[in-house]
N, C-alpha and C. Protein backbone atom coordinates (compact mmCIF):
# COMPACT_ATOMS: atom_id res chain seq x y z
N MET A 1 8.05 -65.03 33.01
CA MET A 1 8.06 -64.31 31.74
C MET A 1 8.65 -63.33 31.50
N GLY A 2 8.67 -63.65 30.21
CA GLY A 2 9.86 -62.34 29.20
C GLY A 2 9.19 -61.02 29.75
N CYS A 3 9.60 -60.18 28.60
CA CYS A 3 8.97 -58.40 28.89
C CYS A 3 9.76 -58.01 27.09
N ILE A 4 8.47 -57.63 26.29
CA ILE A 4 8.87 -57.00 25.38
C ILE A 4 9.20 -55.65 25.32
N LEU A 5 10.08 -54.73 24.84
CA LEU A 5 10.16 -53.67 25.01
C LEU A 5 10.09 -52.66 23.32
N ALA A 6 9.40 -52.20 23.20
CA ALA A 6 9.50 -51.63 21.59
C ALA A 6 9.60 -49.88 22.20
N ILE A 7 10.60 -50.11 20.90
CA ILE A 7 11.03 -48.53 20.59
C ILE A 7 10.64 -47.66 19.75
N GLN A 8 9.59 -46.91 19.69
CA GLN A 8 9.37 -46.04 18.30
C GLN A 8 9.59 -44.40 18.70
N PRO A 9 10.24 -43.93 17.06
CA PRO A 9 10.56 -42.77 17.11
C PRO A 9 9.67 -41.69 17.45
N LEU A 10 10.17 -41.13 18.59
CA LEU A 10 9.22 -39.76 18.94
C LEU A 10 8.53 -39.00 17.48
N GLN A 11 7.63 -38.97 17.06
CA GLN A 11 7.10 -38.15 16.33
C GLN A 11 7.09 -36.78 16.98
N THR A 12 7.63 -35.94 16.02
CA THR A 12 7.54 -34.34 16.29
C THR A 12 7.06 -33.84 14.68
N ARG A 13 6.44 -32.87 15.38
CA ARG A 13 5.74 -31.70 14.28
C ARG A 13 6.76 -30.44 14.16
N GLN A 14 7.35 -30.62 13.22
CA GLN A 14 8.22 -29.22 12.69
C GLN A 14 7.43 -27.96 12.02
N VAL A 15 7.98 -26.97 13.29
CA VAL A 15 7.21 -25.91 13.27
C VAL A 15 8.42 -24.84 12.43
N SER A 16 7.80 -23.72 11.45
CA SER A 16 8.61 -23.06 10.86
C SER A 16 7.89 -21.73 11.11
N LYS A 17 8.86 -21.25 11.88
CA LYS A 17 8.46 -19.20 12.06
C LYS A 17 9.19 -19.09 11.05
N PHE A 18 8.33 -17.62 10.63
CA PHE A 18 8.74 -16.97 9.68
C PHE A 18 8.62 -15.66 9.63
N ALA A 19 9.34 -14.75 8.81
CA ALA A 19 9.15 -12.99 9.15
C ALA A 19 7.67 -12.75 8.09
N PRO A 20 7.19 -11.79 8.68
CA PRO A 20 6.29 -11.18 7.96
C PRO A 20 6.30 -11.07 6.32
N VAL A 21 5.11 -11.28 5.73
CA VAL A 21 4.65 -11.47 4.04
C VAL A 21 3.36 -11.06 3.85
N CYS A 22 3.27 -10.05 2.89
CA CYS A 22 1.95 -9.21 2.63
C CYS A 22 1.39 -10.47 2.20
N GLN A 23 -0.10 -10.49 2.62
CA GLN A 23 -0.71 -11.13 2.33
C GLN A 23 -1.35 -11.41 0.83
N PHE A 24 -1.68 -9.98 0.16
CA PHE A 24 -2.12 -10.26 -1.30
C PHE A 24 -1.29 -9.80 -1.91
N ARG A 25 -1.22 -10.25 -3.20
CA ARG A 25 0.20 -9.85 -3.94
C ARG A 25 0.17 -8.39 -4.62
N GLU A 26 -0.84 -8.35 -4.79
CA GLU A 26 -1.66 -7.02 -5.81
C GLU A 26 -1.63 -5.76 -4.90
N PRO A 27 -1.27 -4.89 -5.06
CA PRO A 27 -1.88 -3.31 -4.54
C PRO A 27 -3.24 -3.43 -4.36
N LYS A 28 -3.72 -2.74 -3.16
CA LYS A 28 -5.13 -2.07 -3.07
C LYS A 28 -4.73 -0.89 -3.24
N THR A 29 -5.66 -0.12 -4.15
CA THR A 29 -5.95 0.94 -4.50
C THR A 29 -7.47 1.34 -3.57
N TYR A 30 -7.05 3.30 -2.95
CA TYR A 30 -8.22 3.52 -2.33
C TYR A 30 -8.35 5.03 -3.47
N GLY A 31 -9.28 5.41 -4.39
CA GLY A 31 -9.52 6.52 -4.46
C GLY A 31 -10.18 7.63 -3.97
N ILE A 32 -9.30 8.64 -3.56
CA ILE A 32 -9.94 9.45 -2.26
C ILE A 32 -9.82 11.19 -2.96
N SER A 33 -10.71 12.32 -2.00
CA SER A 33 -10.35 13.41 -2.64
C SER A 33 -9.63 14.25 -1.61
N VAL A 34 -9.03 15.40 -1.97
CA VAL A 34 -7.80 15.47 -0.87
C VAL A 34 -9.08 16.16 0.45
N SER A 35 -8.54 16.22 1.63
CA SER A 35 -8.56 16.21 2.60
C SER A 35 -9.84 15.04 3.00
N GLU A 36 -9.67 13.99 2.31
CA GLU A 36 -11.07 12.82 2.69
C GLU A 36 -9.69 11.88 3.47
N THR A 37 -10.88 11.08 3.93
CA THR A 37 -9.56 10.40 4.73
C THR A 37 -9.79 8.33 4.67
N VAL A 38 -8.75 8.14 4.30
CA VAL A 38 -8.55 6.44 3.94
C VAL A 38 -8.51 5.65 5.45
N ASN A 39 -9.23 4.54 5.97
CA ASN A 39 -8.20 3.55 6.68
C ASN A 39 -7.77 2.69 5.45
N ALA A 40 -6.77 2.83 5.60
CA ALA A 40 -5.88 1.68 4.91
C ALA A 40 -5.63 0.75 5.88
N THR A 41 -5.41 -0.71 5.60
CA THR A 41 -4.80 -1.53 5.97
C THR A 41 -3.72 -2.49 5.41
N CYS A 42 -2.80 -3.07 6.40
CA CYS A 42 -1.73 -3.48 6.03
C CYS A 42 -1.93 -5.36 6.29
N GLU A 43 -1.99 -6.27 5.88
CA GLU A 43 -2.25 -7.53 6.00
C GLU A 43 -1.08 -8.23 5.79
N VAL A 44 -0.46 -9.00 6.99
CA VAL A 44 0.32 -10.01 6.60
C VAL A 44 0.00 -11.30 7.11
N GLU A 45 0.87 -12.21 6.79
CA GLU A 45 1.12 -13.60 7.14
C GLU A 45 2.32 -13.80 8.25
N ALA A 46 2.53 -14.34 9.16
CA ALA A 46 3.65 -13.92 10.05
C ALA A 46 3.88 -15.52 11.21
N ASP A 47 4.83 -15.69 11.49
CA ASP A 47 4.90 -16.77 12.66
C ASP A 47 5.93 -16.05 13.79
N PRO A 48 6.31 -15.84 14.31
CA PRO A 48 5.13 -15.58 15.33
C PRO A 48 4.02 -14.68 15.10
N LEU A 49 3.04 -14.61 15.22
CA LEU A 49 2.25 -13.29 15.13
C LEU A 49 2.28 -12.20 15.78
N GLU A 50 2.97 -12.14 16.71
CA GLU A 50 3.52 -10.43 17.29
C GLU A 50 4.12 -9.60 16.58
N VAL A 51 3.47 -8.67 15.39
CA VAL A 51 4.07 -8.39 14.40
C VAL A 51 3.76 -6.36 14.48
N SER A 52 5.10 -5.98 14.24
CA SER A 52 4.73 -4.34 14.61
C SER A 52 5.22 -4.17 13.23
N TYR A 53 4.73 -2.65 12.61
CA TYR A 53 4.76 -2.23 11.00
C TYR A 53 5.19 -0.65 11.12
N ARG A 54 5.55 -0.65 10.22
CA ARG A 54 6.58 0.95 9.55
C ARG A 54 5.72 0.97 8.42
N TRP A 55 5.49 2.41 8.34
CA TRP A 55 4.71 2.90 6.94
C TRP A 55 5.47 4.35 6.60
N SER A 56 5.61 4.11 5.23
CA SER A 56 6.00 5.77 4.12
C SER A 56 4.78 5.69 3.49
N LEU A 57 5.07 6.93 2.93
CA LEU A 57 4.33 7.00 1.51
C LEU A 57 5.27 7.80 0.49
N ASP A 58 4.92 6.90 -0.76
CA ASP A 58 6.15 7.22 -1.57
C ASP A 58 5.64 8.53 -2.88
N SER A 59 5.80 9.61 -2.71
CA SER A 59 5.30 10.36 -3.59
C SER A 59 6.20 11.40 -4.62
N LEU A 60 5.24 12.08 -5.69
CA LEU A 60 6.19 12.85 -6.13
C LEU A 60 7.35 13.51 -5.72
N LEU A 61 6.68 14.06 -4.24
CA LEU A 61 7.91 14.64 -3.26
C LEU A 61 8.95 13.56 -2.81
N GLY A 62 8.68 12.28 -2.93
CA GLY A 62 9.93 11.47 -2.22
C GLY A 62 9.32 10.74 -1.47
N THR A 63 9.75 9.86 -0.31
CA THR A 63 9.23 9.13 0.50
C THR A 63 8.96 10.01 1.53
N LEU A 64 8.45 9.37 2.37
CA LEU A 64 8.19 10.37 3.94
C LEU A 64 7.58 8.53 4.40
N VAL A 65 8.01 9.00 5.93
CA VAL A 65 8.19 8.25 6.79
C VAL A 65 6.85 8.58 7.97
N LEU A 66 5.95 7.61 7.48
CA LEU A 66 5.04 8.24 8.48
C LEU A 66 4.64 7.98 9.85
N SER A 67 3.77 8.15 10.68
CA SER A 67 3.27 7.77 12.02
C SER A 67 2.19 7.54 12.36
N ASN A 68 2.04 7.43 13.86
CA ASN A 68 0.35 7.43 14.51
C ASN A 68 -0.25 5.99 13.66
N TRP A 69 -0.19 4.75 13.70
CA TRP A 69 -0.86 3.92 13.10
C TRP A 69 -1.13 3.10 14.40
N SER A 70 -2.21 1.86 14.28
CA SER A 70 -2.32 0.92 14.88
C SER A 70 -2.15 -0.54 14.10
N SER A 71 -2.05 -1.43 15.45
CA SER A 71 -1.41 -3.01 15.07
C SER A 71 -2.27 -3.98 15.67
N ALA A 72 -3.01 -4.73 15.33
CA ALA A 72 -3.06 -5.70 15.81
C ALA A 72 -2.81 -7.42 15.13
N PRO A 73 -2.73 -8.55 15.70
CA PRO A 73 -2.04 -9.60 14.57
C PRO A 73 -2.38 -9.46 13.35
N HIS A 74 -1.44 -9.82 12.53
CA HIS A 74 -1.53 -9.87 11.26
C HIS A 74 -2.51 -8.77 10.58
N ARG A 75 -2.14 -7.90 11.20
CA ARG A 75 -3.06 -6.33 10.16
C ARG A 75 -2.39 -5.04 11.08
N GLY A 76 -2.05 -4.27 10.33
CA GLY A 76 -1.40 -2.76 10.83
C GLY A 76 -2.97 -2.07 10.22
N SER A 77 -3.05 -0.93 10.59
CA SER A 77 -3.92 0.01 10.54
C SER A 77 -3.48 1.56 10.27
N LEU A 78 -3.94 2.19 9.20
CA LEU A 78 -3.16 3.78 8.55
C LEU A 78 -4.59 4.84 8.71
N SER A 79 -4.89 5.96 9.21
CA SER A 79 -5.74 6.49 8.45
C SER A 79 -5.06 7.86 8.25
N TYR A 80 -5.24 7.81 6.85
CA TYR A 80 -4.61 9.06 6.13
C TYR A 80 -5.31 9.68 5.09
N SER A 81 -4.93 10.93 5.28
CA SER A 81 -5.63 11.92 3.82
C SER A 81 -4.39 12.57 3.39
N PRO A 82 -4.74 12.66 2.17
CA PRO A 82 -3.97 13.62 1.31
C PRO A 82 -4.11 15.15 1.69
N LEU A 83 -3.63 16.39 2.06
CA LEU A 83 -3.85 17.56 2.34
C LEU A 83 -3.91 18.07 1.38
N THR A 84 -2.91 17.74 0.50
CA THR A 84 -2.47 18.33 -0.99
C THR A 84 -2.76 17.65 -2.03
N GLY A 85 -2.62 17.98 -3.45
CA GLY A 85 -2.53 16.82 -4.73
C GLY A 85 -1.25 16.02 -4.68
N SER A 86 0.17 16.48 -3.75
CA SER A 86 1.10 16.02 -3.68
C SER A 86 1.03 14.99 -2.64
N GLY A 87 0.07 14.94 -1.79
CA GLY A 87 -0.33 14.25 -0.78
C GLY A 87 -0.44 12.32 -1.49
N TYR A 88 -0.59 12.23 -3.05
CA TYR A 88 -1.23 11.26 -3.71
C TYR A 88 0.12 10.16 -3.62
N GLY A 89 -0.20 8.92 -4.01
CA GLY A 89 1.01 7.79 -4.33
C GLY A 89 0.97 7.07 -3.14
N THR A 90 2.29 6.22 -3.21
CA THR A 90 1.55 4.67 -2.70
C THR A 90 2.16 4.92 -1.49
N LEU A 91 1.18 4.12 -0.61
CA LEU A 91 1.36 3.71 0.61
C LEU A 91 2.34 2.46 0.98
N LEU A 92 3.42 2.73 1.51
CA LEU A 92 4.42 1.37 1.60
C LEU A 92 4.18 0.62 3.01
N CYS A 93 4.03 -0.38 3.65
CA CYS A 93 4.30 -1.10 4.46
C CYS A 93 4.99 -2.46 5.35
N TRP A 94 5.32 -1.95 6.30
CA TRP A 94 6.81 -3.43 6.32
C TRP A 94 6.20 -4.04 7.55
N GLY A 95 6.34 -5.19 8.06
CA GLY A 95 5.73 -5.78 9.28
C GLY A 95 7.00 -6.09 9.84
N ARG A 96 7.41 -6.63 11.16
CA ARG A 96 8.19 -7.25 11.61
C ARG A 96 8.30 -7.72 12.67
N ASN A 97 8.69 -9.39 12.72
CA ASN A 97 8.59 -9.44 14.25
C ASN A 97 9.68 -10.84 14.63
N SER A 98 9.93 -11.52 15.74
CA SER A 98 11.02 -12.22 15.93
C SER A 98 11.66 -12.38 15.20
N VAL A 99 11.58 -13.09 14.28
CA VAL A 99 12.33 -13.97 12.72
C VAL A 99 12.88 -12.71 12.37
N GLY A 100 12.25 -11.64 12.15
CA GLY A 100 12.97 -10.57 10.90
C GLY A 100 11.68 -8.91 10.81
N THR A 101 12.31 -8.82 9.72
CA THR A 101 11.48 -7.82 8.63
C THR A 101 10.90 -7.87 7.26
N GLN A 102 9.92 -8.08 7.40
CA GLN A 102 9.44 -8.03 6.00
C GLN A 102 10.41 -7.48 4.66
N ILE A 103 10.41 -8.44 3.63
CA ILE A 103 11.98 -7.99 2.65
C ILE A 103 10.41 -7.02 1.39
N GLU A 104 9.81 -7.47 0.82
CA GLU A 104 8.47 -6.72 0.22
C GLU A 104 8.01 -5.96 0.60
N PRO A 105 7.37 -4.84 0.71
CA PRO A 105 6.33 -4.32 1.26
C PRO A 105 4.85 -4.83 0.84
N CYS A 106 4.11 -4.38 1.56
CA CYS A 106 2.59 -4.35 1.00
C CYS A 106 2.06 -2.94 0.43
N LEU A 107 1.86 -2.96 -0.40
CA LEU A 107 1.57 -1.63 -1.46
C LEU A 107 -0.35 -1.21 -1.56
N ILE A 108 -0.28 0.13 -1.05
CA ILE A 108 -1.88 0.72 -1.16
C ILE A 108 -1.26 2.06 -1.83
N GLN A 109 -2.07 1.79 -3.00
CA GLN A 109 -2.00 2.85 -3.98
C GLN A 109 -3.39 3.86 -3.57
N ILE A 110 -2.95 5.33 -3.58
CA ILE A 110 -3.75 6.49 -3.14
C ILE A 110 -3.97 7.45 -4.44
N VAL A 111 -5.11 6.83 -5.14
CA VAL A 111 -5.12 8.12 -6.24
C VAL A 111 -6.69 8.92 -6.03
N LEU A 112 -6.25 9.95 -6.55
CA LEU A 112 -7.44 11.11 -7.01
C LEU A 112 -8.71 10.19 -6.83
N ALA A 113 -9.43 11.06 -6.15
CA ALA A 113 -10.91 10.03 -6.84
C ALA A 113 -12.13 11.14 -7.75
N ALA A 114 -12.62 10.14 -8.59
CA ALA A 114 -13.12 10.64 -9.88
C ALA A 114 -14.74 11.51 -9.19
N THR A 115 -15.01 12.87 -9.58
CA THR A 115 -16.00 13.10 -9.23
C THR A 115 -17.03 13.50 -10.94
N ARG A 116 -18.27 13.17 -10.68
CA ARG A 116 -19.22 13.19 -11.74
C ARG A 116 -18.71 12.81 -13.58
N GLY A 117 -17.39 11.85 -13.48
CA GLY A 117 -17.07 11.89 -14.58
C GLY A 117 -15.91 11.77 -14.79
N LEU A 118 -15.25 13.37 -13.86
CA LEU A 118 -14.25 13.68 -14.59
C LEU A 118 -13.50 14.19 -13.07
N LEU A 119 -12.28 14.12 -13.19
CA LEU A 119 -11.43 13.61 -12.00
C LEU A 119 -11.47 15.27 -11.42
N ALA A 120 -11.29 15.32 -10.15
CA ALA A 120 -11.75 16.64 -9.50
C ALA A 120 -10.58 18.03 -9.85
N THR A 121 -9.00 17.65 -10.85
CA THR A 121 -8.44 18.31 -11.23
C THR A 121 -8.63 19.25 -12.76
N ASP A 122 -9.40 18.51 -13.33
CA ASP A 122 -9.94 18.44 -14.54
C ASP A 122 -9.64 20.05 -14.56
N HIS A 123 -9.46 20.95 -15.75
CA HIS A 123 -9.90 22.23 -16.33
C HIS A 123 -10.16 21.88 -17.23
N VAL A 124 -11.67 22.98 -17.46
CA VAL A 124 -11.86 23.47 -19.13
C VAL A 124 -11.87 24.65 -19.53
N ILE A 125 -11.55 24.74 -20.78
CA ILE A 125 -10.98 26.30 -21.25
C ILE A 125 -11.74 26.67 -22.47
N LEU A 126 -12.89 27.34 -22.49
CA LEU A 126 -13.07 27.60 -23.26
C LEU A 126 -12.37 29.18 -24.62
N ASN A 127 -12.17 28.64 -25.81
CA ASN A 127 -10.90 29.85 -26.27
C ASN A 127 -11.73 29.57 -27.77
N HIS A 128 -12.70 30.53 -28.07
CA HIS A 128 -12.82 30.74 -29.47
C HIS A 128 -13.69 29.74 -30.13
N GLY A 129 -14.29 29.25 -29.25
CA GLY A 129 -15.76 28.35 -29.80
C GLY A 129 -14.78 26.59 -29.98
N GLN A 130 -13.38 26.40 -29.48
CA GLN A 130 -12.89 25.47 -28.86
C GLN A 130 -13.24 25.02 -27.15
N VAL A 131 -13.17 23.99 -27.17
CA VAL A 131 -13.07 23.73 -25.70
C VAL A 131 -11.65 22.51 -25.48
N THR A 132 -11.19 22.87 -24.79
CA THR A 132 -9.99 22.09 -23.98
C THR A 132 -10.06 22.02 -22.91
N TRP A 133 -9.47 20.95 -22.43
CA TRP A 133 -9.88 20.33 -20.93
C TRP A 133 -8.02 19.55 -20.97
N THR A 134 -7.52 19.64 -19.87
CA THR A 134 -6.45 19.46 -18.97
C THR A 134 -6.64 17.75 -18.38
N ILE A 135 -6.28 16.87 -18.88
CA ILE A 135 -6.38 15.92 -17.79
C ILE A 135 -5.40 15.16 -17.20
N PRO A 136 -5.46 14.73 -15.73
CA PRO A 136 -4.33 13.90 -15.42
C PRO A 136 -3.57 12.99 -16.11
N GLU A 137 -2.20 12.73 -16.43
CA GLU A 137 -1.64 11.30 -16.51
C GLU A 137 -0.99 11.08 -15.21
N MET A 138 -0.84 9.42 -15.45
CA MET A 138 0.13 8.72 -14.60
C MET A 138 1.28 9.36 -15.10
N ALA A 139 2.56 9.46 -13.71
CA ALA A 139 3.53 9.52 -14.35
C ALA A 139 4.52 7.89 -14.08
N PRO A 140 5.36 8.18 -15.22
CA PRO A 140 5.70 7.11 -14.95
C PRO A 140 6.21 6.04 -13.41
N PRO A 141 6.14 4.68 -13.49
CA PRO A 141 6.27 4.00 -12.25
C PRO A 141 7.52 4.42 -11.53
N SER A 142 7.50 4.36 -10.26
CA SER A 142 8.52 4.51 -9.72
C SER A 142 9.85 3.05 -10.20
N PRO A 143 11.02 3.34 -10.36
CA PRO A 143 11.90 2.17 -10.45
C PRO A 143 12.06 1.17 -9.33
N ASN A 144 11.69 1.39 -8.33
CA ASN A 144 11.80 0.35 -7.00
C ASN A 144 10.24 -0.33 -7.09
N TYR A 145 9.18 0.80 -7.26
CA TYR A 145 7.86 -0.37 -7.42
C TYR A 145 7.43 -0.01 -8.68
N PRO A 146 7.58 -1.27 -9.41
CA PRO A 146 7.24 -0.74 -10.83
C PRO A 146 5.49 -0.84 -11.04
N THR A 147 4.97 -1.43 -9.98
CA THR A 147 3.56 -0.88 -10.28
C THR A 147 2.76 0.36 -9.38
N THR A 148 4.06 0.88 -9.23
CA THR A 148 3.59 2.02 -7.81
C THR A 148 3.30 3.91 -9.29
N PRO A 149 1.70 4.47 -8.84
CA PRO A 149 1.60 5.21 -9.69
C PRO A 149 2.26 6.37 -8.79
N THR A 150 2.66 7.68 -9.03
CA THR A 150 3.16 8.44 -8.27
C THR A 150 2.67 9.67 -8.44
N GLY A 151 1.46 9.68 -9.20
CA GLY A 151 0.75 11.10 -8.97
C GLY A 151 0.51 11.93 -10.33
N GLY A 152 -0.04 12.77 -10.11
CA GLY A 152 -0.75 13.33 -11.61
C GLY A 152 0.54 14.54 -12.42
N ARG A 153 0.41 14.25 -13.33
CA ARG A 153 0.97 15.01 -14.13
C ARG A 153 -0.01 15.91 -15.40
N PHE A 154 -0.24 17.23 -15.57
CA PHE A 154 -1.01 17.79 -16.60
C PHE A 154 -0.72 17.17 -18.17
N GLY A 155 -1.41 17.03 -18.95
CA GLY A 155 -1.39 17.21 -20.52
C GLY A 155 -2.83 17.74 -20.47
N SER A 156 -2.82 17.82 -22.09
CA SER A 156 -3.93 18.43 -22.27
C SER A 156 -4.33 18.62 -23.75
N ARG A 157 -5.92 18.28 -24.14
CA ARG A 157 -6.25 17.75 -25.53
C ARG A 157 -7.40 18.79 -26.17
N GLN A 158 -7.33 18.91 -27.55
CA GLN A 158 -8.55 19.55 -28.09
C GLN A 158 -9.97 18.78 -28.28
N ILE A 159 -10.97 19.24 -28.33
CA ILE A 159 -12.04 18.44 -29.14
C ILE A 159 -12.84 19.22 -30.14
């Protein structure tokens, strides 16, 4: 009796490992008051899942490296409170795994919350029957992050 031997190529599944990338393309925006706390999250896709995070704040005063955050697979979180008006801006978050560091950060915009139709920093000035108020205007976007509002600058108008 003869024996037939069939050799088939071994089928392998290709595994592609990659450095973290932000799960959402558009920045998240949180409107909060001074001293109010927001729990900001940084959600990434990565392989392998073991990711560490780095956070910073881009504001009118420059870039500040932040600490005291927590992380889980695919997600870093940071409790953040702007203590003054200069604490508003954009939180930036980078993930890192064994493959590498995230190239483009996840962006989280922290803006001043509206209160009763006016922003908390609006000023009303009465002057001889004219009402003038100042309203915050957004500063020009940061050249490094075109979608980043970096804080309030006051302008005024008369009605």
